[in-house]
């Protein structure tokens, strides 16, 4: 499998449950990330990932290769639906994405980067001035990828999710 074989598109409702299971698997395997019994509401949100698409201008994007779901991310064209802690939901003229996850069997093949680039394209096409994301220390691999793409740490977006420190990033978009 290589990047050129992968298609990024909006997930169909029939895929929502499978995507939720994939994200639960990905997040629960992260070292130093809260487990389901520590943050049951977070994992319930992952299981019901398709619910985000009930909000206007919110899309569940999926990476597909040979009809296999390799990864997914939720794109928010309006930050008021972003649903995180901290001040991110108050940001104006901004888009964001959350809950990016890639199947553990296909990590390191650029799927996360493709999903991120699709979110950047959507934010650019929608004439947003910035793209906002959050990450944790347990997601250092993704963190490095975001910084290599051009995201900058933005401490004003940091917040605590229970005992978990969540770190904000911004990417300025030149539309």
N, C-alpha and C. Protein backbone atom coordinates (compact mmCIF):
# COMPACT_ATOMS: atom_id res chain seq x y z
N UNK A 1 0.85 -1.18 0.00
CA UNK A 1 0.00 0.00 0.00
C UNK A 1 0.89 1.24 0.00
N UNK A 2 0.56 2.19 -0.85
CA UNK A 2 1.24 3.48 -0.78
C UNK A 2 0.21 4.59 -0.86
N UNK A 3 0.65 5.80 -0.59
CA UNK A 3 -0.26 6.94 -0.51
C UNK A 3 -1.13 7.09 -1.74
N UNK A 4 -0.56 6.85 -2.92
CA UNK A 4 -1.31 7.08 -4.16
C UNK A 4 -2.49 6.11 -4.29
N UNK A 5 -2.47 5.00 -3.58
CA UNK A 5 -3.58 4.05 -3.63
C UNK A 5 -4.71 4.45 -2.69
N UNK A 6 -4.48 5.44 -1.86
CA UNK A 6 -5.42 5.82 -0.81
C UNK A 6 -6.35 6.93 -1.29
N UNK A 7 -7.62 6.80 -0.96
CA UNK A 7 -8.62 7.81 -1.28
C UNK A 7 -9.11 8.43 0.02
N UNK A 8 -9.18 9.76 0.05
CA UNK A 8 -9.76 10.47 1.19
C UNK A 8 -11.13 10.97 0.76
N UNK A 9 -12.14 10.63 1.53
CA UNK A 9 -13.51 11.05 1.20
C UNK A 9 -14.33 11.14 2.48
N UNK A 10 -15.54 11.66 2.33
CA UNK A 10 -16.46 11.68 3.47
C UNK A 10 -16.92 10.26 3.76
N UNK A 11 -16.95 9.92 5.03
CA UNK A 11 -17.42 8.60 5.43
C UNK A 11 -18.92 8.50 5.22
N UNK A 12 -19.37 7.32 4.89
CA UNK A 12 -20.81 7.09 4.79
C UNK A 12 -21.33 6.60 6.14
N UNK A 13 -22.60 6.86 6.43
CA UNK A 13 -23.15 6.42 7.73
C UNK A 13 -22.95 4.93 7.99
N UNK A 14 -22.92 4.12 6.95
CA UNK A 14 -22.72 2.68 7.15
C UNK A 14 -21.31 2.36 7.65
N UNK A 15 -20.39 3.34 7.57
CA UNK A 15 -19.01 3.13 8.03
C UNK A 15 -18.75 3.68 9.43
N UNK A 16 -19.69 4.44 9.97
CA UNK A 16 -19.48 5.13 11.25
C UNK A 16 -19.08 4.17 12.37
N UNK A 17 -19.78 3.04 12.49
CA UNK A 17 -19.49 2.10 13.58
C UNK A 17 -18.08 1.53 13.45
N UNK A 18 -17.69 1.15 12.24
CA UNK A 18 -16.34 0.61 12.02
C UNK A 18 -15.27 1.66 12.33
N UNK A 19 -15.52 2.90 11.95
CA UNK A 19 -14.57 3.98 12.24
C UNK A 19 -14.45 4.18 13.74
N UNK A 20 -15.58 4.15 14.45
CA UNK A 20 -15.55 4.27 15.91
C UNK A 20 -14.71 3.18 16.55
N UNK A 21 -14.88 1.95 16.08
CA UNK A 21 -14.09 0.83 16.61
C UNK A 21 -12.60 1.02 16.31
N UNK A 22 -12.28 1.49 15.11
CA UNK A 22 -10.89 1.74 14.75
C UNK A 22 -10.27 2.78 15.68
N UNK A 23 -10.99 3.89 15.91
CA UNK A 23 -10.46 4.95 16.77
C UNK A 23 -10.30 4.48 18.21
N UNK A 24 -11.24 3.72 18.71
CA UNK A 24 -11.12 3.17 20.07
C UNK A 24 -9.87 2.30 20.15
N UNK A 25 -9.66 1.45 19.15
CA UNK A 25 -8.48 0.59 19.14
C UNK A 25 -7.20 1.43 19.13
N UNK A 26 -7.15 2.44 18.27
CA UNK A 26 -5.95 3.29 18.15
C UNK A 26 -5.68 4.03 19.45
N UNK A 27 -6.68 4.71 19.98
CA UNK A 27 -6.47 5.53 21.17
C UNK A 27 -6.19 4.69 22.41
N UNK A 28 -6.85 3.55 22.53
CA UNK A 28 -6.65 2.72 23.73
C UNK A 28 -5.26 2.09 23.76
N UNK A 29 -4.59 2.00 22.61
CA UNK A 29 -3.25 1.42 22.56
C UNK A 29 -2.14 2.45 22.77
N UNK A 30 -2.48 3.73 22.83
CA UNK A 30 -1.46 4.75 23.04
C UNK A 30 -0.89 4.66 24.45
N UNK A 31 0.41 4.63 24.55
CA UNK A 31 1.07 4.60 25.85
C UNK A 31 0.80 5.92 26.57
N UNK A 32 0.50 5.86 27.84
CA UNK A 32 0.24 7.04 28.68
C UNK A 32 -1.00 7.82 28.27
N UNK A 33 -1.91 7.20 27.53
CA UNK A 33 -3.18 7.84 27.20
C UNK A 33 -4.25 7.19 28.07
N UNK A 34 -5.22 7.97 28.58
CA UNK A 34 -6.25 7.39 29.44
C UNK A 34 -6.97 6.22 28.77
N UNK A 35 -7.26 5.22 29.56
CA UNK A 35 -7.98 4.04 29.05
C UNK A 35 -9.48 4.27 29.24
N UNK A 36 -10.26 3.35 28.69
CA UNK A 36 -11.72 3.52 28.69
C UNK A 36 -12.29 3.66 30.10
N UNK A 37 -11.76 2.92 31.07
CA UNK A 37 -12.31 3.03 32.43
C UNK A 37 -11.91 4.36 33.09
N UNK A 38 -10.85 5.02 32.57
CA UNK A 38 -10.45 6.33 33.11
C UNK A 38 -11.32 7.46 32.55
N UNK A 39 -11.67 7.36 31.27
CA UNK A 39 -12.47 8.41 30.62
C UNK A 39 -13.55 7.77 29.73
N UNK A 40 -14.56 7.17 30.38
CA UNK A 40 -15.58 6.45 29.60
C UNK A 40 -16.33 7.35 28.61
N UNK A 41 -16.54 8.62 28.95
CA UNK A 41 -17.27 9.49 28.03
C UNK A 41 -16.48 9.77 26.77
N UNK A 42 -15.15 9.85 26.89
CA UNK A 42 -14.30 10.06 25.72
C UNK A 42 -14.43 8.88 24.77
N UNK A 43 -14.38 7.67 25.30
CA UNK A 43 -14.47 6.48 24.46
C UNK A 43 -15.88 6.29 23.90
N UNK A 44 -16.89 6.76 24.63
CA UNK A 44 -18.25 6.73 24.10
C UNK A 44 -18.34 7.68 22.90
N UNK A 45 -17.68 8.84 23.01
CA UNK A 45 -17.65 9.79 21.90
C UNK A 45 -16.98 9.14 20.68
N UNK A 46 -15.87 8.42 20.90
CA UNK A 46 -15.20 7.73 19.79
C UNK A 46 -16.11 6.69 19.15
N UNK A 47 -16.80 5.92 19.98
CA UNK A 47 -17.70 4.87 19.47
C UNK A 47 -18.80 5.46 18.61
N UNK A 48 -19.22 6.68 18.96
CA UNK A 48 -20.31 7.36 18.25
C UNK A 48 -19.78 8.49 17.39
N UNK A 49 -18.62 8.29 16.78
CA UNK A 49 -17.92 9.32 16.02
C UNK A 49 -18.80 9.95 14.93
N UNK A 50 -19.68 9.18 14.35
CA UNK A 50 -20.57 9.68 13.30
C UNK A 50 -21.50 10.78 13.77
N UNK A 51 -21.75 10.85 15.09
CA UNK A 51 -22.65 11.88 15.62
C UNK A 51 -22.16 13.29 15.31
N UNK A 52 -20.84 13.45 15.16
CA UNK A 52 -20.32 14.78 14.84
C UNK A 52 -20.89 15.31 13.53
N UNK A 53 -21.23 14.42 12.60
CA UNK A 53 -21.73 14.86 11.30
C UNK A 53 -23.14 15.45 11.39
N UNK A 54 -23.76 15.38 12.57
CA UNK A 54 -25.06 16.03 12.76
C UNK A 54 -24.92 17.54 12.88
N UNK A 55 -23.69 18.02 13.09
CA UNK A 55 -23.45 19.46 13.19
C UNK A 55 -23.19 20.04 11.81
N UNK A 56 -23.67 21.27 11.58
CA UNK A 56 -23.40 21.91 10.29
C UNK A 56 -21.90 22.05 10.05
N UNK A 57 -21.50 21.92 8.81
CA UNK A 57 -20.11 22.14 8.39
C UNK A 57 -19.10 21.26 9.12
N UNK A 58 -19.55 20.07 9.52
CA UNK A 58 -18.67 19.11 10.19
C UNK A 58 -18.67 17.83 9.38
N UNK A 59 -17.47 17.32 9.09
CA UNK A 59 -17.34 16.15 8.23
C UNK A 59 -16.47 15.09 8.89
N UNK A 60 -16.84 13.86 8.71
CA UNK A 60 -16.01 12.73 9.11
C UNK A 60 -15.33 12.23 7.85
N UNK A 61 -14.02 12.46 7.79
CA UNK A 61 -13.24 12.07 6.62
C UNK A 61 -12.59 10.72 6.88
N UNK A 62 -12.51 9.92 5.83
CA UNK A 62 -11.96 8.58 5.96
C UNK A 62 -10.93 8.34 4.86
N UNK A 63 -9.88 7.62 5.21
CA UNK A 63 -8.87 7.19 4.25
C UNK A 63 -9.16 5.73 3.91
N UNK A 64 -9.33 5.45 2.61
CA UNK A 64 -9.74 4.13 2.14
C UNK A 64 -8.73 3.59 1.14
N UNK A 65 -8.43 2.31 1.22
CA UNK A 65 -7.64 1.63 0.21
C UNK A 65 -8.24 0.24 0.02
N UNK A 66 -8.63 -0.08 -1.19
CA UNK A 66 -9.27 -1.38 -1.47
C UNK A 66 -10.44 -1.65 -0.52
N UNK A 67 -11.27 -0.65 -0.34
CA UNK A 67 -12.46 -0.74 0.53
C UNK A 67 -12.12 -1.00 1.99
N UNK A 68 -10.87 -0.81 2.39
CA UNK A 68 -10.48 -0.97 3.79
C UNK A 68 -10.25 0.41 4.40
N UNK A 69 -10.83 0.63 5.57
CA UNK A 69 -10.66 1.90 6.27
C UNK A 69 -9.30 1.90 6.95
N UNK A 70 -8.45 2.85 6.56
CA UNK A 70 -7.09 2.94 7.10
C UNK A 70 -6.97 4.01 8.18
N UNK A 71 -7.86 5.00 8.14
CA UNK A 71 -7.80 6.08 9.11
C UNK A 71 -8.97 7.02 8.94
N UNK A 72 -9.10 7.94 9.90
CA UNK A 72 -10.21 8.88 9.85
C UNK A 72 -9.87 10.11 10.68
N UNK A 73 -10.63 11.17 10.43
CA UNK A 73 -10.48 12.42 11.18
C UNK A 73 -11.80 13.19 11.07
N UNK A 74 -12.11 14.00 12.10
CA UNK A 74 -13.29 14.85 12.06
C UNK A 74 -12.83 16.28 11.77
N UNK A 75 -13.38 16.85 10.67
CA UNK A 75 -13.07 18.22 10.26
C UNK A 75 -14.22 19.14 10.66
N UNK A 76 -13.88 20.26 11.29
CA UNK A 76 -14.86 21.25 11.74
C UNK A 76 -14.61 22.56 10.99
N UNK A 77 -15.52 22.94 10.12
CA UNK A 77 -15.37 24.22 9.42
C UNK A 77 -15.83 25.37 10.30
N UNK A 78 -16.56 25.07 11.37
CA UNK A 78 -17.00 26.07 12.34
C UNK A 78 -16.57 25.59 13.72
N UNK A 79 -15.69 26.36 14.36
CA UNK A 79 -15.10 25.93 15.63
C UNK A 79 -16.12 25.80 16.77
N UNK A 80 -17.29 26.39 16.64
CA UNK A 80 -18.24 26.28 17.75
C UNK A 80 -18.70 24.83 17.96
N UNK A 81 -18.49 23.97 16.96
CA UNK A 81 -18.86 22.56 17.09
C UNK A 81 -17.68 21.66 17.47
N UNK A 82 -16.51 22.25 17.63
CA UNK A 82 -15.27 21.51 17.86
C UNK A 82 -15.33 20.65 19.12
N UNK A 83 -15.98 21.14 20.15
CA UNK A 83 -16.27 20.32 21.31
C UNK A 83 -15.12 19.97 22.23
N UNK A 84 -14.08 20.78 22.25
CA UNK A 84 -12.97 20.50 23.17
C UNK A 84 -13.06 21.42 24.38
N UNK A 85 -12.16 21.20 25.32
CA UNK A 85 -12.03 22.13 26.43
C UNK A 85 -11.28 23.36 25.98
N UNK A 86 -11.08 24.29 26.92
CA UNK A 86 -10.32 25.49 26.60
C UNK A 86 -11.10 26.46 25.74
N UNK A 87 -10.38 27.35 25.07
CA UNK A 87 -11.00 28.46 24.35
C UNK A 87 -11.20 28.19 22.86
N UNK A 88 -10.80 27.03 22.36
CA UNK A 88 -10.80 26.78 20.91
C UNK A 88 -12.16 27.02 20.26
N UNK A 89 -13.25 26.67 20.96
CA UNK A 89 -14.58 26.81 20.35
C UNK A 89 -14.99 28.27 20.17
N UNK A 90 -14.23 29.19 20.75
CA UNK A 90 -14.54 30.62 20.61
C UNK A 90 -13.76 31.27 19.47
N UNK A 91 -12.86 30.52 18.84
CA UNK A 91 -12.03 31.08 17.76
C UNK A 91 -12.91 31.42 16.56
N UNK A 92 -12.65 32.60 15.98
CA UNK A 92 -13.39 33.06 14.82
C UNK A 92 -12.57 32.85 13.55
N UNK A 93 -13.26 32.68 12.43
CA UNK A 93 -12.63 32.50 11.12
C UNK A 93 -11.56 31.41 11.16
N UNK A 94 -11.89 30.34 11.88
CA UNK A 94 -10.96 29.23 12.05
C UNK A 94 -11.70 27.92 11.80
N UNK A 95 -10.95 26.94 11.33
CA UNK A 95 -11.44 25.57 11.22
C UNK A 95 -10.57 24.72 12.15
N UNK A 96 -10.96 23.49 12.33
CA UNK A 96 -10.17 22.61 13.17
C UNK A 96 -10.41 21.16 12.79
N UNK A 97 -9.55 20.30 13.31
CA UNK A 97 -9.83 18.88 13.19
C UNK A 97 -9.43 18.20 14.49
N UNK A 98 -10.10 17.08 14.74
CA UNK A 98 -9.88 16.31 15.96
C UNK A 98 -9.98 14.83 15.64
N UNK A 99 -9.49 14.06 16.58
CA UNK A 99 -9.72 12.62 16.61
C UNK A 99 -9.17 11.92 15.37
N UNK A 100 -8.01 12.36 14.92
CA UNK A 100 -7.35 11.69 13.81
C UNK A 100 -6.78 10.37 14.32
N UNK A 101 -7.05 9.32 13.60
CA UNK A 101 -6.51 8.01 13.97
C UNK A 101 -6.21 7.20 12.72
N UNK A 102 -5.12 6.45 12.77
CA UNK A 102 -4.71 5.59 11.65
C UNK A 102 -4.55 4.17 12.18
N UNK A 103 -5.07 3.22 11.43
CA UNK A 103 -4.97 1.80 11.77
C UNK A 103 -3.51 1.47 12.10
N UNK A 104 -3.31 0.78 13.21
CA UNK A 104 -1.95 0.48 13.66
C UNK A 104 -1.16 -0.33 12.63
N UNK A 105 -1.85 -1.08 11.78
CA UNK A 105 -1.16 -1.89 10.76
C UNK A 105 -0.67 -1.06 9.57
N UNK A 106 -1.15 0.17 9.45
CA UNK A 106 -0.74 0.99 8.29
C UNK A 106 -0.05 2.28 8.73
N UNK A 107 0.39 2.33 9.97
CA UNK A 107 1.11 3.52 10.44
C UNK A 107 2.43 3.66 9.70
N UNK A 108 2.88 4.91 9.57
CA UNK A 108 4.17 5.17 8.94
C UNK A 108 4.11 5.20 7.43
N UNK A 109 2.91 5.13 6.86
CA UNK A 109 2.76 5.14 5.41
C UNK A 109 2.19 6.47 4.90
N UNK A 110 2.09 7.46 5.78
CA UNK A 110 1.63 8.78 5.34
C UNK A 110 0.14 9.00 5.36
N UNK A 111 -0.63 8.08 5.94
CA UNK A 111 -2.09 8.21 5.96
C UNK A 111 -2.51 9.40 6.83
N UNK A 112 -1.90 9.55 8.01
CA UNK A 112 -2.22 10.69 8.87
C UNK A 112 -1.91 12.01 8.19
N UNK A 113 -0.81 12.04 7.46
CA UNK A 113 -0.44 13.27 6.74
C UNK A 113 -1.45 13.58 5.64
N UNK A 114 -1.90 12.56 4.91
CA UNK A 114 -2.91 12.76 3.87
C UNK A 114 -4.20 13.32 4.46
N UNK A 115 -4.63 12.76 5.59
CA UNK A 115 -5.85 13.25 6.25
C UNK A 115 -5.66 14.70 6.70
N UNK A 116 -4.49 15.00 7.26
CA UNK A 116 -4.19 16.37 7.70
C UNK A 116 -4.19 17.32 6.52
N UNK A 117 -3.57 16.92 5.41
CA UNK A 117 -3.52 17.78 4.23
C UNK A 117 -4.90 18.04 3.65
N UNK A 118 -5.79 17.05 3.74
CA UNK A 118 -7.16 17.25 3.27
C UNK A 118 -7.88 18.29 4.14
N UNK A 119 -7.63 18.25 5.44
CA UNK A 119 -8.23 19.25 6.34
C UNK A 119 -7.68 20.65 6.03
N UNK A 120 -6.38 20.74 5.75
CA UNK A 120 -5.78 22.03 5.39
C UNK A 120 -6.41 22.54 4.09
N UNK A 121 -6.60 21.66 3.11
CA UNK A 121 -7.22 22.04 1.84
C UNK A 121 -8.64 22.56 2.08
N UNK A 122 -9.41 21.85 2.91
CA UNK A 122 -10.78 22.29 3.19
C UNK A 122 -10.79 23.66 3.86
N UNK A 123 -9.91 23.86 4.84
CA UNK A 123 -9.85 25.16 5.53
C UNK A 123 -9.45 26.27 4.56
N UNK A 124 -8.51 25.97 3.67
CA UNK A 124 -8.08 26.95 2.66
C UNK A 124 -9.21 27.26 1.70
N UNK A 125 -9.87 26.22 1.19
CA UNK A 125 -10.98 26.41 0.25
C UNK A 125 -12.12 27.20 0.89
N UNK A 126 -12.30 27.04 2.21
CA UNK A 126 -13.37 27.76 2.92
C UNK A 126 -12.91 29.11 3.45
N UNK A 127 -11.72 29.52 3.03
CA UNK A 127 -11.15 30.83 3.36
C UNK A 127 -11.03 31.08 4.86
N UNK A 128 -10.67 30.03 5.59
CA UNK A 128 -10.40 30.18 7.01
C UNK A 128 -8.98 30.74 7.17
N UNK A 129 -8.76 31.51 8.24
CA UNK A 129 -7.45 32.11 8.46
C UNK A 129 -6.49 31.18 9.18
N UNK A 130 -7.06 30.18 9.87
CA UNK A 130 -6.21 29.27 10.63
C UNK A 130 -6.92 27.94 10.82
N UNK A 131 -6.10 26.93 11.10
CA UNK A 131 -6.59 25.59 11.40
C UNK A 131 -6.07 25.24 12.79
N UNK A 132 -6.97 24.80 13.65
CA UNK A 132 -6.64 24.53 15.05
C UNK A 132 -6.75 23.03 15.32
N UNK A 133 -5.77 22.52 16.07
CA UNK A 133 -5.79 21.12 16.48
C UNK A 133 -5.28 21.01 17.90
N UNK A 134 -5.47 19.85 18.49
CA UNK A 134 -4.94 19.53 19.81
C UNK A 134 -4.25 18.17 19.77
N UNK A 135 -3.30 18.00 20.65
CA UNK A 135 -2.58 16.74 20.75
C UNK A 135 -2.16 16.53 22.21
N UNK A 136 -1.69 15.35 22.51
CA UNK A 136 -1.21 15.05 23.86
C UNK A 136 0.20 14.49 23.76
N UNK A 137 0.85 14.38 24.90
CA UNK A 137 2.21 13.82 24.91
C UNK A 137 2.22 12.38 24.40
N UNK A 138 1.10 11.66 24.57
CA UNK A 138 1.02 10.28 24.09
C UNK A 138 1.00 10.21 22.56
N UNK A 139 0.82 11.35 21.92
CA UNK A 139 0.71 11.40 20.46
C UNK A 139 1.91 12.12 19.84
N UNK A 140 3.09 11.90 20.40
CA UNK A 140 4.28 12.62 19.96
C UNK A 140 4.62 12.39 18.48
N UNK A 141 4.32 11.21 17.95
CA UNK A 141 4.59 10.96 16.53
C UNK A 141 3.76 11.91 15.67
N UNK A 142 2.47 12.01 15.99
CA UNK A 142 1.60 12.93 15.26
C UNK A 142 2.04 14.37 15.50
N UNK A 143 2.41 14.68 16.72
CA UNK A 143 2.85 16.02 17.09
C UNK A 143 3.98 16.47 16.16
N UNK A 144 4.97 15.60 15.96
CA UNK A 144 6.10 15.92 15.08
C UNK A 144 5.62 16.15 13.65
N UNK A 145 4.70 15.31 13.19
CA UNK A 145 4.16 15.46 11.84
C UNK A 145 3.50 16.83 11.69
N UNK A 146 2.68 17.20 12.66
CA UNK A 146 1.99 18.50 12.59
C UNK A 146 3.00 19.64 12.52
N UNK A 147 4.04 19.58 13.36
CA UNK A 147 5.05 20.65 13.35
C UNK A 147 5.80 20.68 12.02
N UNK A 148 6.08 19.53 11.44
CA UNK A 148 6.76 19.49 10.14
C UNK A 148 5.90 20.10 9.03
N UNK A 149 4.58 19.99 9.16
CA UNK A 149 3.66 20.57 8.18
C UNK A 149 3.58 22.08 8.35
N UNK A 150 3.87 22.57 9.56
CA UNK A 150 3.82 24.01 9.79
C UNK A 150 2.97 24.47 10.96
N UNK A 151 2.35 23.52 11.66
CA UNK A 151 1.59 23.89 12.85
C UNK A 151 2.55 24.38 13.92
N UNK A 152 2.12 25.40 14.67
CA UNK A 152 2.92 25.97 15.76
C UNK A 152 2.17 25.78 17.07
N UNK A 153 2.92 25.46 18.12
CA UNK A 153 2.33 25.35 19.46
C UNK A 153 1.65 26.66 19.81
N UNK A 154 0.51 26.56 20.43
CA UNK A 154 -0.27 27.74 20.82
C UNK A 154 -0.79 27.49 22.23
N UNK A 155 0.01 27.93 23.21
CA UNK A 155 -0.29 27.62 24.61
C UNK A 155 -1.64 28.15 25.07
N UNK A 156 -2.15 29.20 24.44
CA UNK A 156 -3.46 29.73 24.84
C UNK A 156 -4.58 28.73 24.57
N UNK A 157 -4.34 27.73 23.75
CA UNK A 157 -5.35 26.71 23.44
C UNK A 157 -5.25 25.48 24.34
N UNK A 158 -4.21 25.41 25.19
CA UNK A 158 -4.01 24.26 26.07
C UNK A 158 -5.15 24.15 27.10
N UNK A 159 -5.44 22.92 27.49
CA UNK A 159 -6.42 22.69 28.56
C UNK A 159 -6.17 21.33 29.19
N UNK A 160 -6.82 21.09 30.30
CA UNK A 160 -6.73 19.78 30.96
C UNK A 160 -8.03 19.02 30.69
N UNK A 161 -7.89 17.77 30.29
CA UNK A 161 -9.04 16.87 30.12
C UNK A 161 -8.93 15.86 31.25
N UNK A 162 -9.54 16.18 32.37
CA UNK A 162 -9.34 15.38 33.57
C UNK A 162 -7.89 15.53 34.00
N UNK A 163 -7.16 14.42 34.07
CA UNK A 163 -5.74 14.43 34.44
C UNK A 163 -4.82 14.59 33.22
N UNK A 164 -5.41 14.63 32.03
CA UNK A 164 -4.64 14.62 30.79
C UNK A 164 -4.40 16.04 30.28
N UNK A 165 -3.13 16.41 30.10
CA UNK A 165 -2.79 17.71 29.51
C UNK A 165 -2.98 17.62 28.00
N UNK A 166 -3.71 18.60 27.45
CA UNK A 166 -3.98 18.65 26.02
C UNK A 166 -3.38 19.95 25.49
N UNK A 167 -2.61 19.83 24.41
CA UNK A 167 -1.81 20.94 23.89
C UNK A 167 -2.37 21.42 22.56
N UNK A 168 -2.51 22.75 22.43
CA UNK A 168 -3.06 23.35 21.23
C UNK A 168 -2.01 23.73 20.21
N UNK A 169 -2.43 23.68 18.95
CA UNK A 169 -1.58 24.06 17.81
C UNK A 169 -2.41 24.86 16.83
N UNK A 170 -1.76 25.76 16.12
CA UNK A 170 -2.41 26.53 15.06
C UNK A 170 -1.56 26.46 13.79
N UNK A 171 -2.26 26.46 12.67
CA UNK A 171 -1.61 26.62 11.38
C UNK A 171 -2.25 27.84 10.73
N UNK A 172 -1.45 28.86 10.50
CA UNK A 172 -1.93 30.06 9.81
C UNK A 172 -2.10 29.70 8.33
N UNK A 173 -3.21 30.12 7.77
CA UNK A 173 -3.50 29.81 6.38
C UNK A 173 -3.49 31.10 5.57
N UNK A 174 -2.73 31.10 4.52
CA UNK A 174 -2.69 32.25 3.61
C UNK A 174 -3.67 31.99 2.47
N UNK A 175 -4.87 32.52 2.63
CA UNK A 175 -5.86 32.26 1.57
C UNK A 175 -5.80 33.31 0.50
